[in-house]
Amino acid sequence: MVSPLPQSQDEIPISPQLAPEQAATPKAQEQQMKTIVSAVIAAGVVILIGLGFAVYILLQPGTPTDRIRDIFIIIVALETLVIGVALVILLIQLASLINLLQNEVRPMLQATNETINTLRGTAEFLGESVVEPVIKLNSYLASIQRVLELMGLKQK
């Protein structure tokens, strides 16, 4: 059973996909961005303070710098491992994107080009079949009307 079309703008149903976007007001988005920026700045300040404290401790006499050096080497190795995994995931995502572009977007573009060519042909056909005869008929009628006006059989 087909439901009737809504009669006014108030009766148009809102799809569930658009509701979250409409619910988030610009003010709430701005507040969220301010919170994120504040958190990033705070994290940066904490990291700088930690680095300053680490340098101060390492400059003290009697500090076992060889152990600290070994710990930092292990941390750098773990970071390298994490970065390697992230690069592999990035390559997989890139391959997925290329596959999407080749197998889904390209056929859509080809179908769109076919539709545009069909519309172009239809417009040309209508121009030749409908518009040109109407223009010729109007020109003939205008010339007949002008001749009648010049002969005095019809007034302006």
N, C-alpha and C. Protein backbone atom coordinates (compact mmCIF):
# COMPACT_ATOMS: atom_id res chain seq x y z
N MET A 1 0.85 -1.17 0.00
CA MET A 1 0.00 0.00 0.00
C MET A 1 0.89 1.23 0.00
N VAL A 2 0.61 2.17 -0.87
CA VAL A 2 1.40 3.38 -1.00
C VAL A 2 0.77 4.47 -0.15
N SER A 3 1.59 5.11 0.68
CA SER A 3 1.07 6.19 1.52
C SER A 3 1.05 7.48 0.71
N PRO A 4 0.11 8.39 1.01
CA PRO A 4 0.06 9.66 0.26
C PRO A 4 1.26 10.52 0.59
N LEU A 5 1.59 11.40 -0.35
CA LEU A 5 2.71 12.31 -0.16
C LEU A 5 2.37 13.35 0.89
N PRO A 6 3.33 13.81 1.66
CA PRO A 6 3.06 14.84 2.66
C PRO A 6 2.64 16.15 1.99
N GLN A 7 1.74 16.87 2.67
CA GLN A 7 1.18 18.10 2.10
C GLN A 7 1.98 19.34 2.45
N SER A 8 2.74 19.31 3.54
CA SER A 8 3.50 20.49 3.93
C SER A 8 4.89 20.07 4.38
N GLN A 9 5.73 21.05 4.63
CA GLN A 9 7.10 20.80 5.07
C GLN A 9 7.11 20.14 6.44
N ASP A 10 6.10 20.41 7.28
CA ASP A 10 6.08 19.86 8.63
C ASP A 10 5.84 18.35 8.62
N GLU A 11 5.20 17.83 7.59
CA GLU A 11 4.86 16.42 7.54
C GLU A 11 5.93 15.55 6.90
N ILE A 12 7.00 16.15 6.40
CA ILE A 12 8.04 15.37 5.74
C ILE A 12 8.78 14.58 6.80
N PRO A 13 8.85 13.23 6.66
CA PRO A 13 9.54 12.43 7.66
C PRO A 13 11.05 12.64 7.57
N ILE A 14 11.68 12.61 8.73
CA ILE A 14 13.13 12.76 8.81
C ILE A 14 13.73 11.38 8.84
N SER A 15 14.69 11.15 7.95
CA SER A 15 15.33 9.84 7.91
C SER A 15 16.25 9.70 9.12
N PRO A 16 16.45 8.47 9.61
CA PRO A 16 17.30 8.28 10.78
C PRO A 16 18.75 8.67 10.52
N GLN A 17 19.18 8.69 9.27
CA GLN A 17 20.56 9.04 8.97
C GLN A 17 20.81 10.53 9.16
N LEU A 18 19.80 11.37 8.97
CA LEU A 18 19.98 12.81 9.07
C LEU A 18 19.76 13.32 10.49
N ALA A 19 19.06 12.56 11.33
CA ALA A 19 18.72 13.03 12.66
C ALA A 19 19.94 13.37 13.51
N PRO A 20 21.01 12.54 13.58
CA PRO A 20 22.16 12.92 14.41
C PRO A 20 22.85 14.18 13.91
N GLU A 21 22.91 14.38 12.60
CA GLU A 21 23.55 15.58 12.07
C GLU A 21 22.75 16.82 12.43
N GLN A 22 21.42 16.70 12.39
CA GLN A 22 20.59 17.84 12.72
C GLN A 22 20.59 18.10 14.22
N ALA A 23 20.77 17.04 15.03
CA ALA A 23 20.74 17.20 16.47
C ALA A 23 21.96 17.97 16.96
N ALA A 24 23.09 17.78 16.31
CA ALA A 24 24.32 18.46 16.73
C ALA A 24 24.29 19.90 16.22
N THR A 25 24.16 20.82 17.14
CA THR A 25 24.11 22.22 16.75
C THR A 25 25.53 22.74 16.56
N PRO A 26 25.67 23.83 15.83
CA PRO A 26 27.01 24.41 15.65
C PRO A 26 27.67 24.80 16.97
N LYS A 27 26.87 25.23 17.94
CA LYS A 27 27.44 25.62 19.22
C LYS A 27 28.01 24.40 19.95
N ALA A 28 27.32 23.27 19.88
CA ALA A 28 27.81 22.05 20.52
C ALA A 28 29.07 21.55 19.82
N GLN A 29 29.11 21.65 18.50
CA GLN A 29 30.30 21.24 17.77
C GLN A 29 31.48 22.14 18.11
N GLU A 30 31.22 23.43 18.24
CA GLU A 30 32.28 24.37 18.59
C GLU A 30 32.81 24.07 20.00
N GLN A 31 31.92 23.75 20.93
CA GLN A 31 32.32 23.42 22.29
C GLN A 31 33.16 22.13 22.29
N GLN A 32 32.77 21.16 21.49
CA GLN A 32 33.52 19.91 21.39
C GLN A 32 34.92 20.16 20.82
N MET A 33 35.02 21.01 19.80
CA MET A 33 36.33 21.33 19.23
C MET A 33 37.21 22.04 20.27
N LYS A 34 36.63 22.94 21.04
CA LYS A 34 37.40 23.64 22.08
C LYS A 34 37.92 22.64 23.11
N THR A 35 37.10 21.67 23.48
CA THR A 35 37.51 20.65 24.44
C THR A 35 38.67 19.82 23.91
N ILE A 36 38.58 19.43 22.64
CA ILE A 36 39.64 18.63 22.02
C ILE A 36 40.94 19.42 21.96
N VAL A 37 40.86 20.68 21.54
CA VAL A 37 42.06 21.51 21.45
C VAL A 37 42.67 21.70 22.84
N SER A 38 41.83 21.93 23.85
CA SER A 38 42.34 22.09 25.21
C SER A 38 43.04 20.82 25.69
N ALA A 39 42.46 19.65 25.39
CA ALA A 39 43.07 18.38 25.80
C ALA A 39 44.42 18.18 25.11
N VAL A 40 44.52 18.52 23.83
CA VAL A 40 45.78 18.36 23.11
C VAL A 40 46.84 19.30 23.68
N ILE A 41 46.47 20.53 23.97
CA ILE A 41 47.42 21.50 24.55
C ILE A 41 47.87 21.02 25.93
N ALA A 42 46.93 20.53 26.75
CA ALA A 42 47.29 20.04 28.08
C ALA A 42 48.24 18.84 27.97
N ALA A 43 47.98 17.93 27.04
CA ALA A 43 48.87 16.77 26.86
C ALA A 43 50.26 17.23 26.43
N GLY A 44 50.34 18.20 25.55
CA GLY A 44 51.63 18.73 25.12
C GLY A 44 52.40 19.36 26.27
N VAL A 45 51.70 20.11 27.13
CA VAL A 45 52.35 20.73 28.29
C VAL A 45 52.87 19.67 29.24
N VAL A 46 52.07 18.62 29.49
CA VAL A 46 52.49 17.54 30.39
C VAL A 46 53.71 16.83 29.82
N ILE A 47 53.75 16.59 28.51
CA ILE A 47 54.91 15.93 27.89
C ILE A 47 56.15 16.80 28.03
N LEU A 48 56.02 18.11 27.81
CA LEU A 48 57.17 19.01 27.95
C LEU A 48 57.68 19.05 29.39
N ILE A 49 56.77 19.07 30.34
CA ILE A 49 57.18 19.06 31.75
C ILE A 49 57.89 17.75 32.07
N GLY A 50 57.37 16.62 31.57
CA GLY A 50 58.00 15.32 31.79
C GLY A 50 59.40 15.26 31.19
N LEU A 51 59.56 15.79 29.98
CA LEU A 51 60.88 15.82 29.36
C LEU A 51 61.86 16.69 30.15
N GLY A 52 61.38 17.82 30.63
CA GLY A 52 62.23 18.69 31.45
C GLY A 52 62.65 18.00 32.73
N PHE A 53 61.72 17.31 33.36
CA PHE A 53 62.02 16.57 34.59
C PHE A 53 63.02 15.45 34.32
N ALA A 54 62.86 14.73 33.19
CA ALA A 54 63.78 13.65 32.84
C ALA A 54 65.19 14.19 32.59
N VAL A 55 65.30 15.31 31.91
CA VAL A 55 66.62 15.90 31.67
C VAL A 55 67.25 16.33 32.99
N TYR A 56 66.45 16.91 33.89
CA TYR A 56 66.98 17.32 35.20
C TYR A 56 67.51 16.11 35.97
N ILE A 57 66.77 15.02 35.98
CA ILE A 57 67.21 13.82 36.70
C ILE A 57 68.46 13.23 36.06
N LEU A 58 68.53 13.22 34.73
CA LEU A 58 69.70 12.65 34.06
C LEU A 58 70.96 13.49 34.28
N LEU A 59 70.82 14.75 34.56
CA LEU A 59 71.98 15.60 34.78
C LEU A 59 72.54 15.48 36.21
N GLN A 60 71.81 14.81 37.10
CA GLN A 60 72.28 14.63 38.47
C GLN A 60 73.44 13.63 38.51
N PRO A 61 74.44 13.86 39.35
CA PRO A 61 75.55 12.91 39.44
C PRO A 61 75.09 11.59 40.08
N GLY A 62 75.63 10.47 39.59
CA GLY A 62 75.30 9.15 40.12
C GLY A 62 74.04 8.55 39.52
N THR A 63 73.50 9.13 38.47
CA THR A 63 72.31 8.59 37.82
C THR A 63 72.71 7.45 36.90
N PRO A 64 72.04 6.29 37.02
CA PRO A 64 72.38 5.15 36.15
C PRO A 64 71.87 5.36 34.73
N THR A 65 72.60 6.14 33.93
CA THR A 65 72.14 6.48 32.59
C THR A 65 72.16 5.29 31.64
N ASP A 66 72.99 4.26 31.92
CA ASP A 66 73.01 3.10 31.03
C ASP A 66 71.69 2.34 31.07
N ARG A 67 71.08 2.20 32.24
CA ARG A 67 69.77 1.54 32.33
C ARG A 67 68.70 2.37 31.63
N ILE A 68 68.73 3.68 31.86
CA ILE A 68 67.74 4.56 31.23
C ILE A 68 67.89 4.50 29.71
N ARG A 69 69.15 4.47 29.25
CA ARG A 69 69.40 4.35 27.82
C ARG A 69 68.81 3.06 27.26
N ASP A 70 69.01 1.94 27.97
CA ASP A 70 68.47 0.66 27.52
C ASP A 70 66.94 0.68 27.48
N ILE A 71 66.34 1.32 28.48
CA ILE A 71 64.87 1.41 28.51
C ILE A 71 64.37 2.22 27.31
N PHE A 72 65.05 3.33 27.02
CA PHE A 72 64.64 4.14 25.87
C PHE A 72 64.83 3.39 24.56
N ILE A 73 65.87 2.58 24.46
CA ILE A 73 66.06 1.77 23.24
C ILE A 73 64.92 0.78 23.08
N ILE A 74 64.49 0.17 24.17
CA ILE A 74 63.36 -0.76 24.10
C ILE A 74 62.09 -0.03 23.70
N ILE A 75 61.87 1.16 24.28
CA ILE A 75 60.67 1.94 23.94
C ILE A 75 60.68 2.33 22.46
N VAL A 76 61.83 2.74 21.95
CA VAL A 76 61.93 3.11 20.53
C VAL A 76 61.66 1.90 19.64
N ALA A 77 62.16 0.72 20.06
CA ALA A 77 61.89 -0.49 19.28
C ALA A 77 60.40 -0.81 19.26
N LEU A 78 59.73 -0.65 20.40
CA LEU A 78 58.28 -0.89 20.43
C LEU A 78 57.53 0.13 19.57
N GLU A 79 57.98 1.37 19.60
CA GLU A 79 57.35 2.39 18.75
C GLU A 79 57.52 2.04 17.27
N THR A 80 58.70 1.56 16.92
CA THR A 80 58.95 1.16 15.53
C THR A 80 58.02 0.02 15.13
N LEU A 81 57.80 -0.92 16.05
CA LEU A 81 56.89 -2.03 15.78
C LEU A 81 55.46 -1.52 15.57
N VAL A 82 55.03 -0.60 16.43
CA VAL A 82 53.68 -0.04 16.30
C VAL A 82 53.54 0.74 14.98
N ILE A 83 54.56 1.51 14.63
CA ILE A 83 54.51 2.26 13.38
C ILE A 83 54.48 1.32 12.19
N GLY A 84 55.23 0.21 12.25
CA GLY A 84 55.20 -0.78 11.17
C GLY A 84 53.82 -1.38 11.00
N VAL A 85 53.16 -1.73 12.11
CA VAL A 85 51.80 -2.28 12.04
C VAL A 85 50.85 -1.23 11.46
N ALA A 86 51.01 0.03 11.88
CA ALA A 86 50.14 1.10 11.35
C ALA A 86 50.35 1.27 9.85
N LEU A 87 51.59 1.14 9.38
CA LEU A 87 51.85 1.26 7.94
C LEU A 87 51.22 0.10 7.17
N VAL A 88 51.27 -1.10 7.74
CA VAL A 88 50.63 -2.24 7.08
C VAL A 88 49.12 -2.02 6.99
N ILE A 89 48.52 -1.55 8.07
CA ILE A 89 47.08 -1.26 8.06
C ILE A 89 46.77 -0.17 7.04
N LEU A 90 47.63 0.84 6.96
CA LEU A 90 47.45 1.91 5.98
C LEU A 90 47.50 1.38 4.56
N LEU A 91 48.45 0.48 4.29
CA LEU A 91 48.54 -0.11 2.95
C LEU A 91 47.31 -0.93 2.61
N ILE A 92 46.79 -1.67 3.59
CA ILE A 92 45.58 -2.46 3.36
C ILE A 92 44.40 -1.54 3.07
N GLN A 93 44.28 -0.45 3.82
CA GLN A 93 43.21 0.51 3.57
C GLN A 93 43.35 1.17 2.21
N LEU A 94 44.57 1.48 1.82
CA LEU A 94 44.82 2.07 0.50
C LEU A 94 44.42 1.11 -0.61
N ALA A 95 44.76 -0.17 -0.44
CA ALA A 95 44.36 -1.17 -1.44
C ALA A 95 42.84 -1.29 -1.50
N SER A 96 42.20 -1.22 -0.35
CA SER A 96 40.73 -1.27 -0.32
C SER A 96 40.13 -0.06 -1.03
N LEU A 97 40.72 1.12 -0.83
CA LEU A 97 40.23 2.33 -1.50
C LEU A 97 40.40 2.22 -3.01
N ILE A 98 41.54 1.74 -3.45
CA ILE A 98 41.78 1.58 -4.89
C ILE A 98 40.78 0.60 -5.48
N ASN A 99 40.53 -0.50 -4.78
CA ASN A 99 39.54 -1.48 -5.23
C ASN A 99 38.16 -0.85 -5.33
N LEU A 100 37.79 -0.05 -4.33
CA LEU A 100 36.49 0.62 -4.35
C LEU A 100 36.39 1.56 -5.54
N LEU A 101 37.44 2.33 -5.79
CA LEU A 101 37.41 3.27 -6.92
C LEU A 101 37.28 2.54 -8.25
N GLN A 102 38.02 1.43 -8.41
CA GLN A 102 38.01 0.73 -9.69
C GLN A 102 36.72 -0.04 -9.92
N ASN A 103 36.18 -0.66 -8.88
CA ASN A 103 35.05 -1.57 -9.07
C ASN A 103 33.69 -0.95 -8.81
N GLU A 104 33.64 0.18 -8.11
CA GLU A 104 32.33 0.76 -7.82
C GLU A 104 32.17 2.18 -8.37
N VAL A 105 33.18 3.00 -8.22
CA VAL A 105 33.03 4.39 -8.65
C VAL A 105 33.13 4.50 -10.17
N ARG A 106 34.06 3.80 -10.79
CA ARG A 106 34.22 3.88 -12.24
C ARG A 106 32.95 3.45 -12.98
N PRO A 107 32.29 2.32 -12.60
CA PRO A 107 31.03 1.99 -13.28
C PRO A 107 29.95 3.04 -13.08
N MET A 108 29.92 3.66 -11.90
CA MET A 108 28.93 4.72 -11.68
C MET A 108 29.20 5.91 -12.59
N LEU A 109 30.46 6.25 -12.76
CA LEU A 109 30.81 7.36 -13.66
C LEU A 109 30.46 7.02 -15.10
N GLN A 110 30.70 5.78 -15.51
CA GLN A 110 30.36 5.38 -16.87
C GLN A 110 28.85 5.43 -17.08
N ALA A 111 28.08 4.97 -16.09
CA ALA A 111 26.62 5.03 -16.20
C ALA A 111 26.15 6.48 -16.25
N THR A 112 26.79 7.35 -15.49
CA THR A 112 26.43 8.77 -15.51
C THR A 112 26.74 9.38 -16.88
N ASN A 113 27.88 9.03 -17.46
CA ASN A 113 28.21 9.54 -18.79
C ASN A 113 27.21 9.05 -19.83
N GLU A 114 26.78 7.79 -19.73
CA GLU A 114 25.77 7.27 -20.66
C GLU A 114 24.46 8.04 -20.50
N THR A 115 24.07 8.31 -19.26
CA THR A 115 22.84 9.06 -19.01
C THR A 115 22.93 10.47 -19.58
N ILE A 116 24.06 11.11 -19.40
CA ILE A 116 24.25 12.47 -19.93
C ILE A 116 24.19 12.46 -21.45
N ASN A 117 24.80 11.46 -22.09
CA ASN A 117 24.74 11.37 -23.55
C ASN A 117 23.31 11.14 -24.02
N THR A 118 22.56 10.31 -23.29
CA THR A 118 21.15 10.09 -23.65
C THR A 118 20.36 11.38 -23.51
N LEU A 119 20.58 12.12 -22.43
CA LEU A 119 19.89 13.39 -22.24
C LEU A 119 20.26 14.40 -23.33
N ARG A 120 21.53 14.41 -23.71
CA ARG A 120 21.97 15.31 -24.77
C ARG A 120 21.25 14.97 -26.08
N GLY A 121 21.16 13.67 -26.39
CA GLY A 121 20.45 13.24 -27.60
C GLY A 121 18.98 13.60 -27.54
N THR A 122 18.37 13.43 -26.37
CA THR A 122 16.95 13.77 -26.21
C THR A 122 16.73 15.26 -26.40
N ALA A 123 17.62 16.07 -25.84
CA ALA A 123 17.50 17.52 -25.99
C ALA A 123 17.65 17.93 -27.45
N GLU A 124 18.58 17.33 -28.16
CA GLU A 124 18.75 17.63 -29.58
C GLU A 124 17.51 17.22 -30.37
N PHE A 125 16.96 16.04 -30.06
CA PHE A 125 15.77 15.56 -30.75
C PHE A 125 14.59 16.50 -30.51
N LEU A 126 14.40 16.90 -29.24
CA LEU A 126 13.30 17.82 -28.94
C LEU A 126 13.52 19.17 -29.63
N GLY A 127 14.76 19.62 -29.68
CA GLY A 127 15.04 20.88 -30.36
C GLY A 127 14.70 20.82 -31.83
N GLU A 128 15.03 19.70 -32.46
CA GLU A 128 14.76 19.57 -33.89
C GLU A 128 13.29 19.26 -34.16
N SER A 129 12.66 18.45 -33.34
CA SER A 129 11.30 17.98 -33.60
C SER A 129 10.22 18.91 -33.09
N VAL A 130 10.47 19.59 -32.00
CA VAL A 130 9.41 20.39 -31.39
C VAL A 130 9.70 21.89 -31.48
N VAL A 131 10.86 22.30 -31.07
CA VAL A 131 11.15 23.73 -30.95
C VAL A 131 11.26 24.39 -32.32
N GLU A 132 12.02 23.79 -33.23
CA GLU A 132 12.17 24.40 -34.56
C GLU A 132 10.84 24.56 -35.29
N PRO A 133 9.96 23.54 -35.32
CA PRO A 133 8.66 23.76 -35.98
C PRO A 133 7.82 24.84 -35.31
N VAL A 134 7.86 24.92 -34.00
CA VAL A 134 7.08 25.95 -33.31
C VAL A 134 7.63 27.33 -33.66
N ILE A 135 8.94 27.47 -33.71
CA ILE A 135 9.55 28.76 -34.07
C ILE A 135 9.17 29.12 -35.51
N LYS A 136 9.24 28.16 -36.41
CA LYS A 136 8.86 28.45 -37.81
C LYS A 136 7.40 28.85 -37.90
N LEU A 137 6.52 28.13 -37.17
CA LEU A 137 5.10 28.46 -37.19
C LEU A 137 4.87 29.87 -36.64
N ASN A 138 5.53 30.20 -35.56
CA ASN A 138 5.39 31.56 -35.00
C ASN A 138 5.90 32.61 -35.97
N SER A 139 7.00 32.33 -36.66
CA SER A 139 7.50 33.32 -37.62
C SER A 139 6.53 33.49 -38.78
N TYR A 140 5.95 32.37 -39.26
CA TYR A 140 4.95 32.47 -40.34
C TYR A 140 3.75 33.27 -39.87
N LEU A 141 3.25 32.99 -38.67
CA LEU A 141 2.09 33.71 -38.16
C LEU A 141 2.40 35.20 -37.96
N ALA A 142 3.61 35.49 -37.49
CA ALA A 142 3.99 36.90 -37.30
C ALA A 142 4.08 37.61 -38.64
N SER A 143 4.60 36.92 -39.68
CA SER A 143 4.69 37.56 -40.99
C SER A 143 3.30 37.78 -41.58
N ILE A 144 2.41 36.81 -41.39
CA ILE A 144 1.02 36.97 -41.90
C ILE A 144 0.35 38.13 -41.16
N GLN A 145 0.56 38.20 -39.84
CA GLN A 145 -0.03 39.28 -39.07
C GLN A 145 0.51 40.63 -39.53
N ARG A 146 1.78 40.72 -39.83
CA ARG A 146 2.38 41.98 -40.28
C ARG A 146 1.84 42.38 -41.65
N VAL A 147 1.69 41.37 -42.54
CA VAL A 147 1.14 41.66 -43.87
C VAL A 147 -0.29 42.18 -43.73
N LEU A 148 -1.09 41.56 -42.86
CA LEU A 148 -2.46 42.02 -42.65
C LEU A 148 -2.48 43.44 -42.07
N GLU A 149 -1.53 43.74 -41.19
CA GLU A 149 -1.45 45.09 -40.64
C GLU A 149 -1.09 46.11 -41.72
N LEU A 150 -0.14 45.73 -42.61
CA LEU A 150 0.26 46.65 -43.67
C LEU A 150 -0.84 46.86 -44.68
N MET A 151 -1.66 45.83 -44.93
CA MET A 151 -2.76 45.96 -45.87
C MET A 151 -3.94 46.68 -45.26
N GLY A 152 -3.91 46.88 -43.96
CA GLY A 152 -4.98 47.60 -43.28
C GLY A 152 -6.14 46.72 -42.90
N LEU A 153 -6.01 45.43 -43.04
CA LEU A 153 -7.09 44.53 -42.66
C LEU A 153 -7.12 44.26 -41.15
N LYS A 154 -6.02 44.49 -40.47
CA LYS A 154 -5.97 44.26 -39.04
C LYS A 154 -5.27 45.45 -38.39
N GLN A 155 -5.79 45.87 -37.23
CA GLN A 155 -5.19 46.99 -36.53
C GLN A 155 -4.19 46.46 -35.49
N LYS A 156 -3.22 47.35 -35.16
CA LYS A 156 -2.20 46.97 -34.20
C LYS A 156 -2.72 46.76 -32.84
